[in-house]
Amino acid sequence: MKKQKMRAVRYFGMFLLFMLVCTIVSRGIYASQMPRIQTGTAERKGLTRKIEAQGFVLTKEELPVVTEAGLLVEKVAVVEGQKVEEGELLFQISSEDLEEAVYKADLALAAAEAALADLIAGGNTAVNRASQDLKDASDAASGEVNRANEAYQAAKSERDAFPSEEQYKKDAYKKDAEYQKLLKAAQKKDAAKKEKEAFSEYKKSLDAGLSERYASEKKALEDAVLEREQALGAANAEKNSALKAANRALEDAKRQTSGEGSRYEQQNQVRFLKEGKERLLALKQAEGKVLSSICGYVSRIFVHAGERTTDASAIVISDASGEKLFQAVLPKEEKGYLVPGDTMNLTFPGGAADMYGVKIDAVGELEDGSCQITAGIAQTKAEIGATAAMEIQKEIGRYSCCIPLSALHSVDGTDFVYLVQEQPTILGMELTVRKCKVRVLEKDESYAALEEGTLTEEDIFVVEADKEIRDRARVRLEE
């Protein structure tokens, strides 16, 4: 009897031990399924904003390249940002147009010199000569305009006579032997399906090629009309220019008197025309080539091939030996963070010209609202036109309630954190999380500043979790 009791006690003890082991195992499995978290508390920190952008090196000193107005540009040999050496070709003037410009300058100068001779001699032949020069210039220019107009009208007529695409294809069908052969075969009363399909496939292929050819030929005709129209416009412009110069000489001749004042004005006019002619002759001697007078970089180009020069700058060259600047454009929201005197680091490709602690001289706003910064640089290895990456580390304020960005969550525009709290359960005290809405004041790369009073020093929140968590979920601390 005693042995039976001992055996029962032993079995009961073994049962309790088994239940303890099962409880430990099941609790371990239960705990292993919970998200493991790392926690933190809000702290006082200073936030730093990292501002990055791409910029380029330019110079304060620029040189305009100006040539005679009204000349036809044949080609532009440079692009903006290109480095040019002294004597390098910038753009080329049309030789034919230059010849015409010299001819017109000769006419205008001859008329002005004749007027001056009449003034000096006290004669009245200047008006007659100027009138004849005006007539000669008008006749010559009108002839050019008429020829240009004839070419323009001929191009228009050829374009207007071009058939429609449907007619174009019909004409092509008639000339295409294979098409006619397959068509006859398909139109027979006893034509086989195979013959009809062969005709259909060939017609489909032929139509595709004809459509492409039609479009190409029509575009060529339209381009020819546009080209002739531009040539007519240029001829009219040249005529107006020649008549304007000759009329001016005629008006000057009519106003001439024997007084010293008129003679002085006429002498100035002759000198002005001579200087213009000399510049044209110098350009002609240079075969119409406009060259760079300095070593530098092309900042801006205002002329294009097929256009005429004006009396303003054709090209602006940045002097390579001038004072250098760094300039960058940033999004408009960055303007509020930058002020003159802030420092930045510049990184160039290759690293040889890298600079640190470069002080910003100016912070401006462009028409589109974006922010432009400018800084003087003394780095001789940084070439004009070179690009560089700028970086600014700017402290944007100190805040009393800052949390890591990994602790901040956002859904549908609402920001929140998960607060950690203890909760009693049948298995004892367990940790759960509760969603808490917050208002973000500022962010940097690592931290977010919350509205003061959002979290207290005692509030513990989830910084990181190894699994996705949700409101009211049970969690356990990362050991």
Protein backbone atom coordinates (compact mmCIF):
# COMPACT_ATOMS: atom_id res chain seq x y z
CA MET A 1 0.00 0.00 0.00
CA LYS A 2 2.82 2.32 0.92
CA LYS A 3 4.57 1.56 -2.38
CA GLN A 4 1.43 2.43 -4.29
CA LYS A 5 1.24 5.81 -2.55
CA MET A 6 4.89 6.53 -3.32
CA ARG A 7 4.35 5.59 -6.94
CA ALA A 8 1.30 7.90 -7.18
CA VAL A 9 3.27 10.78 -5.66
CA ARG A 10 6.09 10.18 -8.09
CA TYR A 11 3.71 10.09 -11.08
CA PHE A 12 1.97 13.25 -9.90
CA GLY A 13 5.35 15.00 -9.56
CA MET A 14 6.32 13.89 -13.03
CA PHE A 15 2.98 15.24 -14.33
CA LEU A 16 3.59 18.61 -12.69
CA LEU A 17 7.11 18.72 -14.12
CA PHE A 18 5.69 17.90 -17.58
CA MET A 19 3.10 20.65 -17.28
CA LEU A 20 5.81 23.11 -16.20
CA VAL A 21 7.91 22.23 -19.22
CA CYS A 22 4.88 22.57 -21.52
CA THR A 23 4.06 25.95 -19.99
CA ILE A 24 7.61 27.21 -20.48
CA VAL A 25 7.70 25.94 -24.07
CA SER A 26 4.29 27.37 -24.96
CA ARG A 27 5.19 30.72 -23.34
CA GLY A 28 8.43 30.74 -25.34
CA ILE A 29 6.57 30.03 -28.56
CA TYR A 30 4.00 32.70 -27.68
CA ALA A 31 6.74 35.22 -26.93
CA SER A 32 8.70 34.36 -30.10
CA GLN A 33 5.71 35.37 -32.22
CA MET A 34 5.58 38.84 -30.71
CA PRO A 35 7.41 41.70 -32.49
CA ARG A 36 10.69 42.52 -30.79
CA ILE A 37 11.14 46.24 -30.32
CA GLN A 38 13.74 48.81 -29.39
CA THR A 39 12.45 51.80 -27.46
CA GLY A 40 13.45 55.37 -26.77
CA THR A 41 12.29 58.61 -25.20
CA ALA A 42 12.03 62.13 -26.56
CA GLU A 43 15.12 64.30 -26.21
CA ARG A 44 16.24 67.88 -26.71
CA LYS A 45 18.30 68.22 -29.89
CA GLY A 46 19.45 70.66 -32.51
CA LEU A 47 18.31 69.66 -36.02
CA THR A 48 20.60 70.08 -39.01
CA ARG A 49 19.38 70.45 -42.60
CA LYS A 50 21.54 69.05 -45.36
CA ILE A 51 21.19 71.10 -48.55
CA GLU A 52 22.65 69.72 -51.79
CA ALA A 53 22.61 70.94 -55.39
CA GLN A 54 24.64 71.03 -58.59
CA GLY A 55 26.21 74.32 -59.70
CA PHE A 56 28.84 75.65 -62.05
CA VAL A 57 31.81 78.01 -62.12
CA LEU A 58 31.52 81.30 -64.01
CA THR A 59 33.35 84.61 -64.08
CA LYS A 60 32.49 88.21 -63.29
CA GLU A 61 34.40 89.50 -66.32
CA GLU A 62 32.73 89.04 -69.69
CA LEU A 63 33.58 90.33 -73.17
CA PRO A 64 30.91 90.92 -75.82
CA VAL A 65 31.68 89.89 -79.40
CA VAL A 66 30.09 92.41 -81.77
CA THR A 67 30.22 92.46 -85.56
CA GLU A 68 28.54 94.53 -88.26
CA ALA A 69 24.74 94.40 -88.17
CA GLY A 70 22.63 92.81 -90.90
CA LEU A 71 25.09 90.09 -91.95
CA LEU A 72 23.89 86.53 -92.60
CA VAL A 73 25.37 83.95 -90.23
CA GLU A 74 26.39 80.83 -92.13
CA LYS A 75 27.31 78.71 -89.11
CA VAL A 76 28.04 78.94 -85.39
CA ALA A 77 31.13 76.93 -84.43
CA VAL A 78 30.79 76.94 -80.62
CA VAL A 79 28.25 76.02 -77.96
CA GLU A 80 27.52 77.60 -74.60
CA GLY A 81 29.98 76.49 -71.93
CA GLN A 82 32.71 75.62 -74.45
CA LYS A 83 36.27 76.74 -73.75
CA VAL A 84 37.83 78.75 -76.58
CA GLU A 85 41.39 79.82 -77.18
CA GLU A 86 42.48 83.19 -78.53
CA GLY A 87 42.01 83.17 -82.31
CA GLU A 88 39.53 80.27 -82.31
CA LEU A 89 36.52 80.46 -84.69
CA LEU A 90 33.26 81.57 -83.07
CA PHE A 91 30.96 81.93 -86.08
CA GLN A 92 31.14 82.29 -89.85
CA ILE A 93 29.53 85.03 -91.97
CA SER A 94 28.20 84.15 -95.45
CA SER A 95 30.78 85.24 -98.04
CA GLU A 96 28.11 86.14 -100.61
CA ASP A 97 26.23 88.25 -98.09
CA LEU A 98 29.48 89.91 -97.04
CA GLU A 99 30.23 90.80 -100.67
CA GLU A 100 26.79 92.39 -100.95
CA ALA A 101 27.33 94.32 -97.73
CA VAL A 102 30.67 95.68 -99.01
CA TYR A 103 28.98 96.71 -102.25
CA LYS A 104 26.27 98.59 -100.37
CA ALA A 105 28.87 100.22 -98.14
CA ASP A 106 30.71 101.40 -101.28
CA LEU A 107 27.53 102.95 -102.61
CA ALA A 108 26.70 104.71 -99.37
CA LEU A 109 30.29 105.95 -98.92
CA ALA A 110 30.50 107.17 -102.49
CA ALA A 111 27.28 109.11 -102.05
CA ALA A 112 28.48 110.62 -98.77
CA GLU A 113 31.88 111.57 -100.23
CA ALA A 114 30.20 113.17 -103.23
CA ALA A 115 27.97 115.18 -100.92
CA LEU A 116 30.99 116.31 -98.94
CA ALA A 117 32.84 117.29 -102.13
CA ASP A 118 29.88 119.39 -103.20
CA LEU A 119 29.79 121.08 -99.83
CA ILE A 120 33.47 121.89 -99.99
CA ALA A 121 33.25 123.10 -103.57
CA GLY A 122 30.05 124.96 -102.89
CA GLY A 123 28.37 123.09 -105.73
CA ASN A 124 24.87 121.65 -105.90
CA THR A 125 25.61 118.40 -107.68
CA ALA A 126 25.38 116.35 -104.47
CA VAL A 127 21.63 116.01 -104.67
CA ASN A 128 21.76 114.77 -108.26
CA ARG A 129 24.46 112.27 -107.47
CA ALA A 130 22.67 111.06 -104.38
CA SER A 131 19.46 110.73 -106.38
CA GLN A 132 21.24 108.69 -109.04
CA ASP A 133 22.85 106.53 -106.35
CA LEU A 134 19.41 106.00 -104.82
CA LYS A 135 18.02 104.97 -108.20
CA ASP A 136 20.94 102.62 -108.84
CA ALA A 137 20.56 101.07 -105.41
CA SER A 138 16.79 100.75 -105.91
CA ASP A 139 17.17 99.12 -109.32
CA ALA A 140 19.77 96.65 -108.11
CA ALA A 141 17.84 95.75 -104.99
CA SER A 142 14.52 95.52 -106.85
CA GLY A 143 16.08 93.08 -109.29
CA GLU A 144 17.15 90.85 -106.41
CA VAL A 145 13.68 91.06 -104.87
CA ASN A 146 12.02 90.21 -108.18
CA ARG A 147 14.22 87.17 -108.69
CA ALA A 148 13.56 86.01 -105.13
CA ASN A 149 9.82 86.53 -105.60
CA GLU A 150 9.82 84.57 -108.86
CA ALA A 151 11.56 81.66 -107.14
CA TYR A 152 9.07 81.87 -104.26
CA GLN A 153 6.03 81.90 -106.56
CA ALA A 154 7.45 78.98 -108.56
CA ALA A 155 7.92 76.95 -105.36
CA LYS A 156 4.36 77.78 -104.29
CA SER A 157 2.94 76.74 -107.65
CA GLU A 158 4.83 73.45 -107.54
CA ARG A 159 3.57 72.78 -104.03
CA ASP A 160 -0.04 73.72 -104.88
CA ALA A 161 0.04 71.51 -107.99
CA PHE A 162 1.06 68.49 -105.93
CA PRO A 163 -1.87 65.99 -105.98
CA SER A 164 -3.76 64.66 -102.99
CA GLU A 165 -2.50 61.48 -101.39
CA GLU A 166 -5.39 59.51 -102.91
CA GLN A 167 -4.62 60.77 -106.42
CA TYR A 168 -0.90 60.24 -105.81
CA LYS A 169 -1.56 56.60 -105.04
CA LYS A 170 -3.88 56.16 -108.01
CA ASP A 171 -1.18 57.48 -110.32
CA ALA A 172 1.34 55.14 -108.73
CA TYR A 173 -0.99 52.14 -109.16
CA LYS A 174 -1.15 52.78 -112.90
CA LYS A 175 2.64 52.82 -113.18
CA ASP A 176 3.21 49.74 -111.01
CA ALA A 177 3.33 46.67 -113.29
CA GLU A 178 3.10 44.18 -110.45
CA TYR A 179 0.05 45.92 -109.03
CA GLN A 180 -1.73 45.84 -112.39
CA LYS A 181 -0.83 42.20 -112.88
CA LEU A 182 -2.17 41.14 -109.45
CA LEU A 183 -5.25 43.36 -109.88
CA LYS A 184 -6.23 41.67 -113.14
CA ALA A 185 -5.74 38.27 -111.57
CA ALA A 186 -7.90 39.21 -108.55
CA GLN A 187 -10.70 40.70 -110.69
CA LYS A 188 -11.21 37.59 -112.83
CA LYS A 189 -14.59 35.97 -112.44
CA ASP A 190 -13.02 32.72 -111.40
CA ALA A 191 -10.28 34.37 -109.33
CA ALA A 192 -9.05 32.11 -106.56
CA LYS A 193 -8.94 33.18 -102.94
CA LYS A 194 -5.17 32.95 -103.02
CA GLU A 195 -4.98 35.41 -105.94
CA LYS A 196 -7.24 37.89 -104.15
CA GLU A 197 -5.20 37.61 -100.96
CA ALA A 198 -1.97 38.11 -102.92
CA PHE A 199 -3.37 41.29 -104.45
CA SER A 200 -4.60 42.52 -101.05
CA GLU A 201 -1.25 41.92 -99.37
CA TYR A 202 0.69 43.60 -102.19
CA LYS A 203 -1.65 46.61 -102.18
CA LYS A 204 -1.30 46.96 -98.41
CA SER A 205 2.50 46.88 -98.64
CA LEU A 206 2.52 49.26 -101.62
CA ASP A 207 0.20 51.72 -99.83
CA ALA A 208 2.49 51.87 -96.81
CA GLY A 209 5.48 52.75 -98.99
CA LEU A 210 3.50 55.25 -101.05
CA SER A 211 2.20 57.02 -97.92
CA GLU A 212 5.73 57.43 -96.61
CA ARG A 213 7.01 58.63 -99.99
CA TYR A 214 4.08 61.01 -100.40
CA ALA A 215 4.70 62.58 -96.98
CA SER A 216 8.42 62.95 -97.76
CA GLU A 217 7.85 64.60 -101.16
CA LYS A 218 5.15 66.90 -99.82
CA LYS A 219 7.38 68.00 -96.94
CA ALA A 220 10.22 68.69 -99.38
CA LEU A 221 7.92 70.97 -101.38
CA GLU A 222 6.75 72.78 -98.26
CA ASP A 223 10.35 73.20 -97.08
CA ALA A 224 11.24 74.64 -100.49
CA VAL A 225 8.42 77.19 -100.19
CA LEU A 226 9.59 78.17 -96.71
CA GLU A 227 13.19 78.51 -97.91
CA ARG A 228 12.17 80.70 -100.86
CA GLU A 229 9.94 82.76 -98.58
CA GLN A 230 12.86 83.39 -96.22
CA ALA A 231 15.07 84.30 -99.17
CA LEU A 232 12.42 86.78 -100.36
CA GLY A 233 12.26 88.29 -96.88
CA ALA A 234 16.04 88.61 -96.81
CA ALA A 235 16.03 90.27 -100.24
CA ASN A 236 13.42 92.78 -99.08
CA ALA A 237 15.43 93.46 -95.95
CA GLU A 238 18.57 94.05 -98.02
CA LYS A 239 16.63 96.32 -100.34
CA ASN A 240 15.28 98.33 -97.42
CA SER A 241 18.75 98.60 -95.94
CA ALA A 242 20.26 99.79 -99.23
CA LEU A 243 17.45 102.27 -99.85
CA LYS A 244 17.68 103.53 -96.30
CA ALA A 245 21.40 104.26 -96.67
CA ALA A 246 20.95 105.89 -100.08
CA ASN A 247 17.95 107.94 -98.89
CA ARG A 248 19.91 109.09 -95.90
CA ALA A 249 22.71 110.23 -98.19
CA LEU A 250 20.17 112.02 -100.39
CA GLU A 251 18.57 113.77 -97.41
CA ASP A 252 21.97 114.83 -96.18
CA ALA A 253 22.75 116.20 -99.63
CA LYS A 254 19.52 118.19 -99.69
CA ARG A 255 20.22 119.70 -96.30
CA GLN A 256 23.72 120.68 -97.18
CA THR A 257 24.70 124.27 -97.05
CA SER A 258 27.97 126.09 -97.33
CA GLY A 259 28.09 126.48 -93.54
CA GLU A 260 30.79 124.84 -91.47
CA GLY A 261 28.19 122.98 -89.38
CA SER A 262 26.81 120.99 -92.33
CA ARG A 263 30.32 120.32 -93.60
CA TYR A 264 31.36 119.01 -90.20
CA GLU A 265 28.33 116.71 -90.03
CA GLN A 266 29.05 115.40 -93.51
CA GLN A 267 32.66 114.77 -92.62
CA ASN A 268 31.51 112.75 -89.61
CA GLN A 269 29.14 110.79 -91.83
CA VAL A 270 31.93 109.98 -94.28
CA ARG A 271 34.20 108.94 -91.43
CA PHE A 272 31.46 106.72 -89.97
CA LEU A 273 30.83 105.03 -93.34
CA LYS A 274 34.56 104.58 -93.93
CA GLU A 275 34.99 102.90 -90.57
CA GLY A 276 32.06 100.60 -91.31
CA LYS A 277 33.49 99.73 -94.70
CA GLU A 278 36.91 99.06 -93.18
CA ARG A 279 35.38 96.69 -90.67
CA LEU A 280 33.56 94.89 -93.48
CA LEU A 281 36.75 94.66 -95.53
CA ALA A 282 38.65 93.33 -92.53
CA LEU A 283 35.94 90.71 -92.06
CA LYS A 284 36.08 89.89 -95.77
CA GLN A 285 39.86 89.53 -95.59
CA ALA A 286 39.31 87.12 -92.68
CA GLU A 287 37.01 85.14 -95.03
CA GLY A 288 34.00 86.03 -92.87
CA LYS A 289 35.43 84.30 -89.80
CA VAL A 290 34.73 85.95 -86.44
CA LEU A 291 37.41 84.82 -83.97
CA SER A 292 37.78 85.00 -80.21
CA SER A 293 40.11 87.74 -79.03
CA ILE A 294 40.74 86.15 -75.63
CA CYS A 295 41.06 82.77 -73.96
CA GLY A 296 37.81 82.06 -72.14
CA TYR A 297 34.47 80.29 -72.14
CA VAL A 298 31.34 80.88 -74.20
CA SER A 299 28.77 82.26 -71.75
CA ARG A 300 25.87 83.11 -74.05
CA ILE A 301 25.11 82.86 -77.78
CA PHE A 302 22.64 85.26 -79.40
CA VAL A 303 23.14 84.35 -83.09
CA HIS A 304 22.15 81.23 -84.98
CA ALA A 305 22.87 79.85 -88.42
CA GLY A 306 20.50 81.30 -91.01
CA GLU A 307 19.86 84.49 -89.00
CA ARG A 308 21.29 87.99 -89.36
CA THR A 309 23.50 89.82 -86.91
CA THR A 310 22.28 92.84 -84.98
CA ASP A 311 24.08 95.80 -83.49
CA ALA A 312 24.03 94.01 -80.11
CA SER A 313 26.36 91.29 -78.86
CA ALA A 314 26.46 88.16 -80.98
CA ILE A 315 28.33 86.08 -78.39
CA VAL A 316 29.52 86.78 -74.84
CA ILE A 317 32.87 85.30 -73.76
CA SER A 318 33.83 84.83 -70.11
CA ASP A 319 37.44 85.81 -69.48
CA ALA A 320 39.31 82.75 -68.19
CA SER A 321 41.69 85.00 -66.26
CA GLY A 322 38.89 86.91 -64.49
CA GLU A 323 37.53 86.55 -60.96
CA LYS A 324 35.64 83.25 -60.56
CA LEU A 325 32.22 82.65 -59.03
CA PHE A 326 30.26 79.55 -58.10
CA GLN A 327 26.53 79.67 -58.78
CA ALA A 328 23.79 77.14 -58.10
CA VAL A 329 20.00 77.08 -58.28
CA LEU A 330 18.04 75.36 -55.49
CA PRO A 331 14.32 74.66 -54.91
CA LYS A 332 12.42 77.69 -53.61
CA GLU A 333 11.76 76.04 -50.22
CA GLU A 334 15.50 76.16 -49.46
CA LYS A 335 15.62 79.98 -49.61
CA GLY A 336 14.30 80.33 -46.07
CA TYR A 337 17.25 78.37 -44.70
CA LEU A 338 20.08 80.29 -46.40
CA VAL A 339 21.60 83.71 -45.76
CA PRO A 340 24.78 85.39 -47.04
CA GLY A 341 27.72 84.26 -44.92
CA ASP A 342 26.68 80.61 -44.71
CA THR A 343 29.47 78.23 -45.70
CA MET A 344 29.38 75.26 -48.05
CA ASN A 345 31.65 72.54 -49.39
CA LEU A 346 32.19 72.12 -53.14
CA THR A 347 33.09 68.79 -54.73
CA PHE A 348 34.37 68.70 -58.31
CA PRO A 349 34.77 65.62 -60.56
CA GLY A 350 38.16 64.07 -59.84
CA GLY A 351 38.48 65.90 -56.51
CA ALA A 352 41.50 68.02 -57.44
CA ALA A 353 39.58 71.30 -57.17
CA ASP A 354 37.46 70.46 -54.09
CA MET A 355 36.87 73.39 -51.70
CA TYR A 356 35.64 73.57 -48.13
CA GLY A 357 34.17 76.40 -46.11
CA VAL A 358 33.27 78.52 -49.15
CA LYS A 359 31.27 81.53 -47.97
CA ILE A 360 28.02 82.43 -49.77
CA ASP A 361 28.03 86.04 -50.99
CA ALA A 362 24.43 86.38 -52.20
CA VAL A 363 21.11 84.56 -51.93
CA GLY A 364 18.60 85.61 -54.60
CA GLU A 365 15.27 84.62 -56.06
CA LEU A 366 14.68 83.86 -59.75
CA GLU A 367 11.51 84.56 -61.73
CA ASP A 368 10.14 81.05 -61.16
CA GLY A 369 10.63 81.44 -57.39
CA SER A 370 13.67 79.16 -57.16
CA CYS A 371 16.65 80.17 -55.04
CA GLN A 372 20.01 81.15 -56.57
CA ILE A 373 23.19 81.36 -54.51
CA THR A 374 26.47 82.96 -55.57
CA ALA A 375 29.90 82.69 -53.97
CA GLY A 376 33.34 83.96 -54.90
CA ILE A 377 36.01 81.27 -55.20
CA ALA A 378 39.78 81.52 -55.34
CA GLN A 379 40.50 77.93 -56.45
CA THR A 380 42.70 78.20 -59.54
CA LYS A 381 42.09 74.57 -60.50
CA ALA A 382 38.35 75.14 -60.90
CA GLU A 383 37.85 75.97 -64.56
CA ILE A 384 35.08 78.23 -65.78
CA GLY A 385 32.11 76.16 -66.88
CA ALA A 386 33.04 73.24 -64.58
CA THR A 387 30.20 71.71 -62.57
CA ALA A 388 30.43 70.97 -58.86
CA ALA A 389 28.27 69.44 -56.17
CA MET A 390 27.60 71.79 -53.24
CA GLU A 391 26.70 70.67 -49.73
CA ILE A 392 25.57 72.85 -46.82
CA GLN A 393 25.00 71.60 -43.29
CA LYS A 394 22.71 74.21 -41.72
CA GLU A 395 21.46 74.07 -38.11
CA ILE A 396 17.76 74.90 -38.37
CA GLY A 397 16.95 75.14 -34.66
CA ARG A 398 16.92 73.40 -31.28
CA TYR A 399 13.77 71.61 -30.14
CA SER A 400 12.77 70.14 -26.81
CA CYS A 401 10.91 67.13 -28.21
CA CYS A 402 12.85 65.19 -30.87
CA ILE A 403 12.46 61.56 -31.91
CA PRO A 404 14.32 59.36 -34.44
CA LEU A 405 12.72 59.26 -37.89
CA SER A 406 12.40 55.47 -37.57
CA ALA A 407 9.92 56.04 -34.71
CA LEU A 408 7.68 58.27 -36.84
CA HIS A 409 4.90 56.75 -38.95
CA SER A 410 2.47 58.36 -41.35
CA VAL A 411 -0.81 57.17 -42.89
CA ASP A 412 -3.03 59.36 -45.08
CA GLY A 413 -1.14 62.48 -44.06
CA THR A 414 -1.48 61.76 -40.31
CA ASP A 415 1.75 61.36 -38.30
CA PHE A 416 1.89 59.10 -35.22
CA VAL A 417 4.18 57.09 -32.94
CA TYR A 418 3.64 53.87 -31.02
CA LEU A 419 3.79 54.37 -27.23
CA VAL A 420 4.80 51.38 -25.08
CA GLN A 421 2.77 50.56 -21.93
CA GLU A 422 2.41 47.63 -19.51
CA GLN A 423 -0.81 45.63 -19.36
CA PRO A 424 -1.76 42.82 -16.92
CA THR A 425 -2.72 39.48 -18.52
CA ILE A 426 -3.24 35.88 -17.34
CA LEU A 427 0.42 35.35 -18.14
CA GLY A 428 1.48 38.32 -16.04
CA MET A 429 2.46 41.87 -17.03
CA GLU A 430 2.98 42.26 -20.80
CA LEU A 431 3.98 45.17 -23.05
CA THR A 432 1.53 46.59 -25.59
CA VAL A 433 1.72 49.53 -27.99
CA ARG A 434 -0.77 52.36 -28.45
CA LYS A 435 -0.96 54.67 -31.46
CA CYS A 436 -0.42 58.32 -30.53
CA LYS A 437 -0.94 61.13 -33.05
CA VAL A 438 1.79 63.80 -33.19
CA ARG A 439 2.43 67.09 -35.01
CA VAL A 440 5.81 67.40 -36.75
CA LEU A 441 7.44 70.85 -36.72
CA GLU A 442 10.69 70.09 -38.58
CA LYS A 443 12.81 67.21 -39.83
CA ASP A 444 16.41 66.56 -40.72
CA GLU A 445 18.06 63.40 -42.04
CA SER A 446 17.82 61.52 -38.74
CA TYR A 447 15.34 63.21 -36.38
CA ALA A 448 11.90 64.83 -36.35
CA ALA A 449 10.99 67.68 -34.01
CA LEU A 450 7.49 67.41 -32.50
CA GLU A 451 5.26 70.11 -31.09
CA GLU A 452 6.27 70.85 -27.51
CA GLY A 453 4.20 68.87 -25.01
CA THR A 454 3.34 66.10 -27.49
CA LEU A 455 5.43 63.58 -25.53
CA THR A 456 6.66 63.74 -21.93
CA GLU A 457 10.00 62.57 -20.60
CA GLU A 458 8.28 59.45 -19.21
CA ASP A 459 6.68 58.43 -22.53
CA ILE A 460 8.43 55.44 -24.08
CA PHE A 461 7.91 54.85 -27.80
CA VAL A 462 8.94 52.23 -30.32
CA VAL A 463 12.07 53.19 -32.25
CA GLU A 464 12.46 50.00 -34.28
CA ALA A 465 10.64 46.64 -34.57
CA ASP A 466 11.60 43.42 -36.30
CA LYS A 467 7.99 42.91 -37.48
CA GLU A 468 5.12 45.11 -38.50
CA ILE A 469 3.19 46.33 -35.48
CA ARG A 470 -0.28 47.74 -35.10
CA ASP A 471 -2.32 49.55 -32.47
CA ARG A 472 -2.88 47.55 -29.22
CA ALA A 473 -0.47 44.79 -30.35
CA ARG A 474 1.58 42.88 -27.74
CA VAL A 475 5.35 43.30 -28.08
CA ARG A 476 8.52 42.37 -26.24
CA LEU A 477 11.78 44.24 -25.75
CA GLU A 478 14.83 43.43 -27.80
CA GLU A 479 17.39 41.84 -25.47
